[in-house]
Amino acid sequence: MLGWFLRIVIFLLIAEHIIISWGPDIINAIASRYSGQEVEVVKKDPDRKSILEKTYEKIKDFLEELRK
């Protein structure tokens, strides 16, 4: 039971990372292909980060503090 729960959580974290990181690029590419010209349907927010990216940065900062 715990194994299934962990798999679902990992799957959701990876899906959220993919949607936030590459979602706007994929949507704009599909829209551009179907419209026949370069269009921007969704703008990518450079400040928006996924849970995995935020966690990575916190761990990185924590380890840097330990080194000092």
PDB file of N, CA and C in Angstrom:
ATOM      1  N   MET A   1       0.818  -1.186   0.000  1.00  0.00           N
ATOM      2  CA  MET A   1       0.000   0.000   0.000  1.00  0.00           C
ATOM      3  C   MET A   1       0.871   1.263   0.000  1.00  0.00           C
ATOM      4  N   LEU A   2       1.900   1.249   0.858  1.00  0.00           N
ATOM      5  CA  LEU A   2       2.803   2.386   0.920  1.00  0.00           C
ATOM      6  C   LEU A   2       3.584   2.542  -0.387  1.00  0.00           C
ATOM      7  N   GLY A   3       3.927   1.420  -0.999  1.00  0.00           N
ATOM      8  CA  GLY A   3       4.638   1.464  -2.274  1.00  0.00           C
ATOM      9  C   GLY A   3       3.824   2.141  -3.360  1.00  0.00           C
ATOM     10  N   TRP A   4       2.539   1.827  -3.427  1.00  0.00           N
ATOM     11  CA  TRP A   4       1.669   2.459  -4.422  1.00  0.00           C
ATOM     12  C   TRP A   4       1.530   3.945  -4.165  1.00  0.00           C
ATOM     13  N   PHE A   5       1.402   4.310  -2.903  1.00  0.00           N
ATOM     14  CA  PHE A   5       1.285   5.724  -2.541  1.00  0.00           C
ATOM     15  C   PHE A   5       2.533   6.491  -2.970  1.00  0.00           C
ATOM     16  N   LEU A   6       3.713   5.925  -2.701  1.00  0.00           N
ATOM     17  CA  LEU A   6       4.959   6.586  -3.093  1.00  0.00           C
ATOM     18  C   LEU A   6       5.078   6.700  -4.611  1.00  0.00           C
ATOM     19  N   ARG A   7       4.667   5.680  -5.331  1.00  0.00           N
ATOM     20  CA  ARG A   7       4.708   5.740  -6.796  1.00  0.00           C
ATOM     21  C   ARG A   7       3.795   6.830  -7.333  1.00  0.00           C
ATOM     22  N   ILE A   8       2.619   6.962  -6.756  1.00  0.00           N
ATOM     23  CA  ILE A   8       1.678   8.001  -7.195  1.00  0.00           C
ATOM     24  C   ILE A   8       2.239   9.386  -6.905  1.00  0.00           C
ATOM     25  N   VAL A   9       2.824   9.570  -5.723  1.00  0.00           N
ATOM     26  CA  VAL A   9       3.411  10.867  -5.369  1.00  0.00           C
ATOM     27  C   VAL A   9       4.554  11.216  -6.306  1.00  0.00           C
ATOM     28  N   ILE A  10       5.421  10.263  -6.584  1.00  0.00           N
ATOM     29  CA  ILE A  10       6.544  10.505  -7.499  1.00  0.00           C
ATOM     30  C   ILE A  10       6.039  10.829  -8.895  1.00  0.00           C
ATOM     31  N   PHE A  11       5.033  10.087  -9.363  1.00  0.00           N
ATOM     32  CA  PHE A  11       4.465  10.358 -10.681  1.00  0.00           C
ATOM     33  C   PHE A  11       3.889  11.769 -10.746  1.00  0.00           C
ATOM     34  N   LEU A  12       3.166  12.189  -9.715  1.00  0.00           N
ATOM     35  CA  LEU A  12       2.569  13.525  -9.701  1.00  0.00           C
ATOM     36  C   LEU A  12       3.634  14.621  -9.650  1.00  0.00           C
ATOM     37  N   LEU A  13       4.711  14.404  -8.909  1.00  0.00           N
ATOM     38  CA  LEU A  13       5.790  15.392  -8.859  1.00  0.00           C
ATOM     39  C   LEU A  13       6.465  15.537 -10.218  1.00  0.00           C
ATOM     40  N   ILE A  14       6.708  14.426 -10.887  1.00  0.00           N
ATOM     41  CA  ILE A  14       7.333  14.477 -12.214  1.00  0.00           C
ATOM     42  C   ILE A  14       6.391  15.127 -13.225  1.00  0.00           C
ATOM     43  N   ALA A  15       5.105  14.791 -13.176  1.00  0.00           N
ATOM     44  CA  ALA A  15       4.137  15.389 -14.093  1.00  0.00           C
ATOM     45  C   ALA A  15       4.037  16.898 -13.867  1.00  0.00           C
ATOM     46  N   GLU A  16       4.025  17.327 -12.612  1.00  0.00           N
ATOM     47  CA  GLU A  16       3.960  18.762 -12.308  1.00  0.00           C
ATOM     48  C   GLU A  16       5.202  19.478 -12.819  1.00  0.00           C
ATOM     49  N   HIS A  17       6.363  18.850 -12.676  1.00  0.00           N
ATOM     50  CA  HIS A  17       7.606  19.446 -13.167  1.00  0.00           C
ATOM     51  C   HIS A  17       7.580  19.597 -14.688  1.00  0.00           C
ATOM     52  N   ILE A  18       7.116  18.575 -15.380  1.00  0.00           N
ATOM     53  CA  ILE A  18       7.055  18.626 -16.843  1.00  0.00           C
ATOM     54  C   ILE A  18       6.072  19.697 -17.304  1.00  0.00           C
ATOM     55  N   ILE A  19       4.916  19.768 -16.659  1.00  0.00           N
ATOM     56  CA  ILE A  19       3.905  20.754 -17.061  1.00  0.00           C
ATOM     57  C   ILE A  19       4.405  22.172 -16.849  1.00  0.00           C
ATOM     58  N   ILE A  20       5.053  22.436 -15.728  1.00  0.00           N
ATOM     59  CA  ILE A  20       5.530  23.792 -15.443  1.00  0.00           C
ATOM     60  C   ILE A  20       6.738  24.133 -16.308  1.00  0.00           C
ATOM     61  N   SER A  21       7.659  23.199 -16.482  1.00  0.00           N
ATOM     62  CA  SER A  21       8.894  23.490 -17.215  1.00  0.00           C
ATOM     63  C   SER A  21       8.696  23.570 -18.721  1.00  0.00           C
ATOM     64  N   TRP A  22       7.979  22.602 -19.284  1.00  0.00           N
ATOM     65  CA  TRP A  22       7.874  22.526 -20.743  1.00  0.00           C
ATOM     66  C   TRP A  22       6.457  22.693 -21.272  1.00  0.00           C
ATOM     67  N   GLY A  23       5.481  22.833 -20.407  1.00  0.00           N
ATOM     68  CA  GLY A  23       4.087  22.949 -20.825  1.00  0.00           C
ATOM     69  C   GLY A  23       3.821  24.084 -21.811  1.00  0.00           C
ATOM     70  N   PRO A  24       4.225  25.331 -21.477  1.00  0.00           N
ATOM     71  CA  PRO A  24       3.976  26.431 -22.411  1.00  0.00           C
ATOM     72  C   PRO A  24       4.653  26.240 -23.764  1.00  0.00           C
ATOM     73  N   ASP A  25       5.873  25.685 -23.768  1.00  0.00           N
ATOM     74  CA  ASP A  25       6.578  25.450 -25.030  1.00  0.00           C
ATOM     75  C   ASP A  25       5.838  24.427 -25.892  1.00  0.00           C
ATOM     76  N   ILE A  26       5.351  23.371 -25.265  1.00  0.00           N
ATOM     77  CA  ILE A  26       4.625  22.330 -26.001  1.00  0.00           C
ATOM     78  C   ILE A  26       3.313  22.873 -26.554  1.00  0.00           C
ATOM     79  N   ILE A  27       2.567  23.618 -25.731  1.00  0.00           N
ATOM     80  CA  ILE A  27       1.288  24.184 -26.172  1.00  0.00           C
ATOM     81  C   ILE A  27       1.499  25.154 -27.323  1.00  0.00           C
ATOM     82  N   ASN A  28       2.506  26.020 -27.223  1.00  0.00           N
ATOM     83  CA  ASN A  28       2.776  26.983 -28.292  1.00  0.00           C
ATOM     84  C   ASN A  28       3.233  26.290 -29.574  1.00  0.00           C
ATOM     85  N   ALA A  29       4.000  25.218 -29.460  1.00  0.00           N
ATOM     86  CA  ALA A  29       4.445  24.489 -30.645  1.00  0.00           C
ATOM     87  C   ALA A  29       3.267  23.824 -31.351  1.00  0.00           C
ATOM     88  N   ILE A  30       2.365  23.239 -30.583  1.00  0.00           N
ATOM     89  CA  ILE A  30       1.191  22.597 -31.184  1.00  0.00           C
ATOM     90  C   ILE A  30       0.291  23.641 -31.843  1.00  0.00           C
ATOM     91  N   ALA A  31       0.074  24.769 -31.162  1.00  0.00           N
ATOM     92  CA  ALA A  31      -0.773  25.824 -31.725  1.00  0.00           C
ATOM     93  C   ALA A  31      -0.148  26.419 -32.982  1.00  0.00           C
ATOM     94  N   SER A  32       1.165  26.584 -32.980  1.00  0.00           N
ATOM     95  CA  SER A  32       1.842  27.126 -34.157  1.00  0.00           C
ATOM     96  C   SER A  32       1.752  26.172 -35.335  1.00  0.00           C
ATOM     97  N   ARG A  33       1.849  24.887 -35.070  1.00  0.00           N
ATOM     98  CA  ARG A  33       1.768  23.899 -36.145  1.00  0.00           C
ATOM     99  C   ARG A  33       0.383  23.913 -36.795  1.00  0.00           C
ATOM    100  N   TYR A  34      -0.669  23.985 -35.974  1.00  0.00           N
ATOM    101  CA  TYR A  34      -2.021  23.948 -36.522  1.00  0.00           C
ATOM    102  C   TYR A  34      -2.458  25.269 -37.151  1.00  0.00           C
ATOM    103  N   SER A  35      -1.894  26.383 -36.689  1.00  0.00           N
ATOM    104  CA  SER A  35      -2.284  27.670 -37.271  1.00  0.00           C
ATOM    105  C   SER A  35      -1.458  28.012 -38.505  1.00  0.00           C
ATOM    106  N   GLY A  36      -0.310  27.378 -38.661  1.00  0.00           N
ATOM    107  CA  GLY A  36       0.522  27.625 -39.824  1.00  0.00           C
ATOM    108  C   GLY A  36       1.446  28.810 -39.670  1.00  0.00           C
ATOM    109  N   GLN A  37       1.425  29.440 -38.530  1.00  0.00           N
ATOM    110  CA  GLN A  37       2.319  30.562 -38.262  1.00  0.00           C
ATOM    111  C   GLN A  37       2.753  30.505 -36.801  1.00  0.00           C
ATOM    112  N   GLU A  38       3.771  31.275 -36.481  1.00  0.00           N
ATOM    113  CA  GLU A  38       4.282  31.282 -35.115  1.00  0.00           C
ATOM    114  C   GLU A  38       3.338  32.069 -34.205  1.00  0.00           C
ATOM    115  N   VAL A  39       2.747  31.394 -33.235  1.00  0.00           N
ATOM    116  CA  VAL A  39       1.843  32.051 -32.292  1.00  0.00           C
ATOM    117  C   VAL A  39       2.284  31.737 -30.865  1.00  0.00           C
ATOM    118  N   GLU A  40       1.902  32.629 -29.954  1.00  0.00           N
ATOM    119  CA  GLU A  40       2.192  32.418 -28.542  1.00  0.00           C
ATOM    120  C   GLU A  40       0.867  32.419 -27.782  1.00  0.00           C
ATOM    121  N   VAL A  41       0.399  31.249 -27.444  1.00  0.00           N
ATOM    122  CA  VAL A  41      -0.872  31.089 -26.748  1.00  0.00           C
ATOM    123  C   VAL A  41      -0.672  31.255 -25.252  1.00  0.00           C
ATOM    124  N   VAL A  42       0.396  30.655 -24.742  1.00  0.00           N
ATOM    125  CA  VAL A  42       0.690  30.687 -23.310  1.00  0.00           C
ATOM    126  C   VAL A  42       2.068  31.309 -23.118  1.00  0.00           C
ATOM    127  N   LYS A  43       2.158  32.292 -22.226  1.00  0.00           N
ATOM    128  CA  LYS A  43       3.453  32.901 -21.931  1.00  0.00           C
ATOM    129  C   LYS A  43       4.108  32.151 -20.771  1.00  0.00           C
ATOM    130  N   LYS A  44       5.401  31.923 -20.907  1.00  0.00           N
ATOM    131  CA  LYS A  44       6.143  31.209 -19.869  1.00  0.00           C
ATOM    132  C   LYS A  44       6.614  32.208 -18.820  1.00  0.00           C
ATOM    133  N   ASP A  45       6.282  31.926 -17.570  1.00  0.00           N
ATOM    134  CA  ASP A  45       6.695  32.775 -16.464  1.00  0.00           C
ATOM    135  C   ASP A  45       8.067  32.302 -15.984  1.00  0.00           C
ATOM    136  N   PRO A  46       9.110  33.124 -16.125  1.00  0.00           N
ATOM    137  CA  PRO A  46      10.452  32.675 -15.746  1.00  0.00           C
ATOM    138  C   PRO A  46      10.627  32.486 -14.242  1.00  0.00           C
ATOM    139  N   ASP A  47       9.779  33.110 -13.438  1.00  0.00           N
ATOM    140  CA  ASP A  47       9.895  32.994 -11.985  1.00  0.00           C
ATOM    141  C   ASP A  47       9.167  31.786 -11.418  1.00  0.00           C
ATOM    142  N   ARG A  48       8.351  31.142 -12.211  1.00  0.00           N
ATOM    143  CA  ARG A  48       7.582  29.997 -11.739  1.00  0.00           C
ATOM    144  C   ARG A  48       8.459  28.752 -11.737  1.00  0.00           C
ATOM    145  N   LYS A  49       8.471  28.063 -10.590  1.00  0.00           N
ATOM    146  CA  LYS A  49       9.302  26.872 -10.451  1.00  0.00           C
ATOM    147  C   LYS A  49       8.464  25.725  -9.908  1.00  0.00           C
ATOM    148  N   SER A  50       8.846  24.520 -10.296  1.00  0.00           N
ATOM    149  CA  SER A  50       8.128  23.335  -9.823  1.00  0.00           C
ATOM    150  C   SER A  50       8.568  22.996  -8.406  1.00  0.00           C
ATOM    151  N   ILE A  51       7.840  22.092  -7.788  1.00  0.00           N
ATOM    152  CA  ILE A  51       8.164  21.659  -6.428  1.00  0.00           C
ATOM    153  C   ILE A  51       9.548  21.017  -6.398  1.00  0.00           C
ATOM    154  N   LEU A  52       9.893  20.253  -7.423  1.00  0.00           N
ATOM    155  CA  LEU A  52      11.205  19.610  -7.473  1.00  0.00           C
ATOM    156  C   LEU A  52      12.327  20.642  -7.553  1.00  0.00           C
ATOM    157  N   GLU A  53      12.142  21.691  -8.348  1.00  0.00           N
ATOM    158  CA  GLU A  53      13.160  22.744  -8.466  1.00  0.00           C
ATOM    159  C   GLU A  53      13.321  23.506  -7.160  1.00  0.00           C
ATOM    160  N   LYS A  54      12.206  23.810  -6.491  1.00  0.00           N
ATOM    161  CA  LYS A  54      12.276  24.509  -5.208  1.00  0.00           C
ATOM    162  C   LYS A  54      12.976  23.665  -4.160  1.00  0.00           C
ATOM    163  N   THR A  55      12.660  22.384  -4.121  1.00  0.00           N
ATOM    164  CA  THR A  55      13.288  21.479  -3.158  1.00  0.00           C
ATOM    165  C   THR A  55      14.778  21.353  -3.432  1.00  0.00           C
ATOM    166  N   TYR A  56      15.149  21.248  -4.704  1.00  0.00           N
ATOM    167  CA  TYR A  56      16.563  21.163  -5.076  1.00  0.00           C
ATOM    168  C   TYR A  56      17.316  22.403  -4.614  1.00  0.00           C
ATOM    169  N   GLU A  57      16.734  23.575  -4.828  1.00  0.00           N
ATOM    170  CA  GLU A  57      17.396  24.815  -4.419  1.00  0.00           C
ATOM    171  C   GLU A  57      17.535  24.903  -2.900  1.00  0.00           C
ATOM    172  N   LYS A  58      16.522  24.472  -2.144  1.00  0.00           N
ATOM    173  CA  LYS A  58      16.606  24.504  -0.685  1.00  0.00           C
ATOM    174  C   LYS A  58      17.689  23.561  -0.171  1.00  0.00           C
ATOM    175  N   ILE A  59      17.775  22.370  -0.760  1.00  0.00           N
ATOM    176  CA  ILE A  59      18.806  21.415  -0.354  1.00  0.00           C
ATOM    177  C   ILE A  59      20.186  21.954  -0.704  1.00  0.00           C
ATOM    178  N   LYS A  60      20.310  22.542  -1.867  1.00  0.00           N
ATOM    179  CA  LYS A  60      21.587  23.114  -2.305  1.00  0.00           C
ATOM    180  C   LYS A  60      22.022  24.237  -1.359  1.00  0.00           C
ATOM    181  N   ASP A  61      21.103  25.132  -1.002  1.00  0.00           N
ATOM    182  CA  ASP A  61      21.416  26.218  -0.072  1.00  0.00           C
ATOM    183  C   ASP A  61      21.781  25.680   1.309  1.00  0.00           C
ATOM    184  N   PHE A  62      21.067  24.659   1.765  1.00  0.00           N
ATOM    185  CA  PHE A  62      21.349  24.059   3.063  1.00  0.00           C
ATOM    186  C   PHE A  62      22.746  23.448   3.094  1.00  0.00           C
ATOM    187  N   LEU A  63      23.119  22.736   2.033  1.00  0.00           N
ATOM    188  CA  LEU A  63      24.437  22.122   1.983  1.00  0.00           C
ATOM    189  C   LEU A  63      25.533  23.167   1.903  1.00  0.00           C
ATOM    190  N   GLU A  64      25.280  24.277   1.207  1.00  0.00           N
ATOM    191  CA  GLU A  64      26.263  25.357   1.158  1.00  0.00           C
ATOM    192  C   GLU A  64      26.464  25.980   2.526  1.00  0.00           C
ATOM    193  N   GLU A  65      25.385  26.099   3.297  1.00  0.00           N
ATOM    194  CA  GLU A  65      25.489  26.639   4.649  1.00  0.00           C
ATOM    195  C   GLU A  65      26.285  25.687   5.553  1.00  0.00           C
ATOM    196  N   LEU A  66      26.129  24.390   5.354  1.00  0.00           N
ATOM    197  CA  LEU A  66      26.876  23.425   6.151  1.00  0.00           C
ATOM    198  C   LEU A  66      28.379  23.484   5.869  1.00  0.00           C
ATOM    199  N   ARG A  67      28.736  23.782   4.642  1.00  0.00           N
ATOM    200  CA  ARG A  67      30.150  23.855   4.264  1.00  0.00           C
ATOM    201  C   ARG A  67      30.848  25.039   4.911  1.00  0.00           C
ATOM    202  N   LYS A  68      30.113  26.092   5.190  1.00  0.00           N
ATOM    203  CA  LYS A  68      30.736  27.317   5.745  1.00  0.00           C
ATOM    204  C   LYS A  68      31.079  27.183   7.188  1.00  0.00           C
TER     205      LYS A  68
END
